[in-house]
Amino acid sequence: MEDFFMSEKMLVTQALDERDLLVKKISDKIDKASFVDTIKPNEDKVYSKRIGKDEYAKEATQ
């Protein structure tokens, strides 16, 4: 019975080690990646019609 619990602990330890390795690999890939920001045509339309917070609050209370 004690061997069963020991093997369970080993599996958990191995799973945690694999998780840590995957987290490190993913973090390394994110650090090495370069991202390009793009603005879509719809975003341009939204930005051009943007209003300030005070103006929005004024219109919302009317």
C-alpha atoms as a PDB file:
ATOM      1  CA  MET A   1       0.000   0.000   0.000  1.00  0.00           C
ATOM      2  CA  GLU A   2       2.842   2.379   0.845  1.00  0.00           C
ATOM      3  CA  ASP A   3       4.411   1.734  -2.577  1.00  0.00           C
ATOM      4  CA  PHE A   4       1.162   2.902  -4.167  1.00  0.00           C
ATOM      5  CA  PHE A   5       1.300   6.273  -2.397  1.00  0.00           C
ATOM      6  CA  MET A   6       4.981   6.677  -3.234  1.00  0.00           C
ATOM      7  CA  SER A   7       4.301   6.093  -6.926  1.00  0.00           C
ATOM      8  CA  GLU A   8       1.411   8.576  -6.766  1.00  0.00           C
ATOM      9  CA  LYS A   9       3.743  11.192  -5.255  1.00  0.00           C
ATOM     10  CA  MET A  10       6.290  10.520  -8.009  1.00  0.00           C
ATOM     11  CA  LEU A  11       3.627  11.021 -10.692  1.00  0.00           C
ATOM     12  CA  VAL A  12       2.535  14.303  -9.133  1.00  0.00           C
ATOM     13  CA  THR A  13       6.150  15.466  -8.845  1.00  0.00           C
ATOM     14  CA  GLN A  14       6.820  14.512 -12.465  1.00  0.00           C
ATOM     15  CA  ALA A  15       3.667  16.314 -13.633  1.00  0.00           C
ATOM     16  CA  LEU A  16       4.670  19.466 -11.744  1.00  0.00           C
ATOM     17  CA  ASP A  17       8.166  19.345 -13.253  1.00  0.00           C
ATOM     18  CA  GLU A  18       6.706  18.964 -16.755  1.00  0.00           C
ATOM     19  CA  ARG A  19       4.342  21.873 -16.102  1.00  0.00           C
ATOM     20  CA  ASP A  20       7.218  24.078 -14.971  1.00  0.00           C
ATOM     21  CA  LEU A  21       9.207  23.125 -18.073  1.00  0.00           C
ATOM     22  CA  LEU A  22       6.269  23.956 -20.356  1.00  0.00           C
ATOM     23  CA  VAL A  23       5.739  27.306 -18.625  1.00  0.00           C
ATOM     24  CA  LYS A  24       9.421  28.126 -19.142  1.00  0.00           C
ATOM     25  CA  LYS A  25       9.309  27.104 -22.821  1.00  0.00           C
ATOM     26  CA  ILE A  26       6.188  29.196 -23.448  1.00  0.00           C
ATOM     27  CA  SER A  27       7.646  32.196 -21.621  1.00  0.00           C
ATOM     28  CA  ASP A  28      10.853  31.939 -23.646  1.00  0.00           C
ATOM     29  CA  LYS A  29       8.907  31.818 -26.910  1.00  0.00           C
ATOM     30  CA  ILE A  30       6.826  34.856 -25.905  1.00  0.00           C
ATOM     31  CA  ASP A  31       9.979  36.766 -24.959  1.00  0.00           C
ATOM     32  CA  LYS A  32      11.589  35.945 -28.322  1.00  0.00           C
ATOM     33  CA  ALA A  33       8.468  36.774 -30.356  1.00  0.00           C
ATOM     34  CA  SER A  34       7.979  40.147 -31.929  1.00  0.00           C
ATOM     35  CA  PHE A  35       4.443  41.394 -32.279  1.00  0.00           C
ATOM     36  CA  VAL A  36       3.169  43.837 -34.855  1.00  0.00           C
ATOM     37  CA  ASP A  37       0.253  46.060 -33.981  1.00  0.00           C
ATOM     38  CA  THR A  38      -2.195  46.710 -36.792  1.00  0.00           C
ATOM     39  CA  ILE A  39      -5.246  48.922 -36.997  1.00  0.00           C
ATOM     40  CA  LYS A  40      -8.174  47.605 -38.966  1.00  0.00           C
ATOM     41  CA  PRO A  41     -10.373  49.964 -41.019  1.00  0.00           C
ATOM     42  CA  ASN A  42     -13.261  49.623 -38.543  1.00  0.00           C
ATOM     43  CA  GLU A  43     -10.979  50.633 -35.697  1.00  0.00           C
ATOM     44  CA  ASP A  44     -10.053  53.797 -37.615  1.00  0.00           C
ATOM     45  CA  LYS A  45     -13.742  54.678 -37.891  1.00  0.00           C
ATOM     46  CA  VAL A  46     -14.284  54.121 -34.174  1.00  0.00           C
ATOM     47  CA  TYR A  47     -11.258  56.217 -33.224  1.00  0.00           C
ATOM     48  CA  SER A  48     -12.353  59.082 -35.474  1.00  0.00           C
ATOM     49  CA  LYS A  49     -15.771  59.263 -33.747  1.00  0.00           C
ATOM     50  CA  ARG A  50     -14.347  59.054 -30.237  1.00  0.00           C
ATOM     51  CA  ILE A  51     -15.679  61.547 -27.703  1.00  0.00           C
ATOM     52  CA  GLY A  52     -14.390  62.595 -24.315  1.00  0.00           C
ATOM     53  CA  LYS A  53     -15.622  61.249 -20.989  1.00  0.00           C
ATOM     54  CA  ASP A  54     -17.361  64.511 -20.029  1.00  0.00           C
ATOM     55  CA  GLU A  55     -19.139  64.791 -23.375  1.00  0.00           C
ATOM     56  CA  TYR A  56     -20.268  61.154 -23.121  1.00  0.00           C
ATOM     57  CA  ALA A  57     -21.606  61.700 -19.597  1.00  0.00           C
ATOM     58  CA  LYS A  58     -23.463  64.809 -20.761  1.00  0.00           C
ATOM     59  CA  GLU A  59     -25.082  62.934 -23.658  1.00  0.00           C
ATOM     60  CA  ALA A  60     -25.914  59.949 -21.450  1.00  0.00           C
ATOM     61  CA  THR A  61     -27.789  62.075 -18.902  1.00  0.00           C
ATOM     62  CA  GLN A  62     -29.949  63.843 -21.486  1.00  0.00           C
END
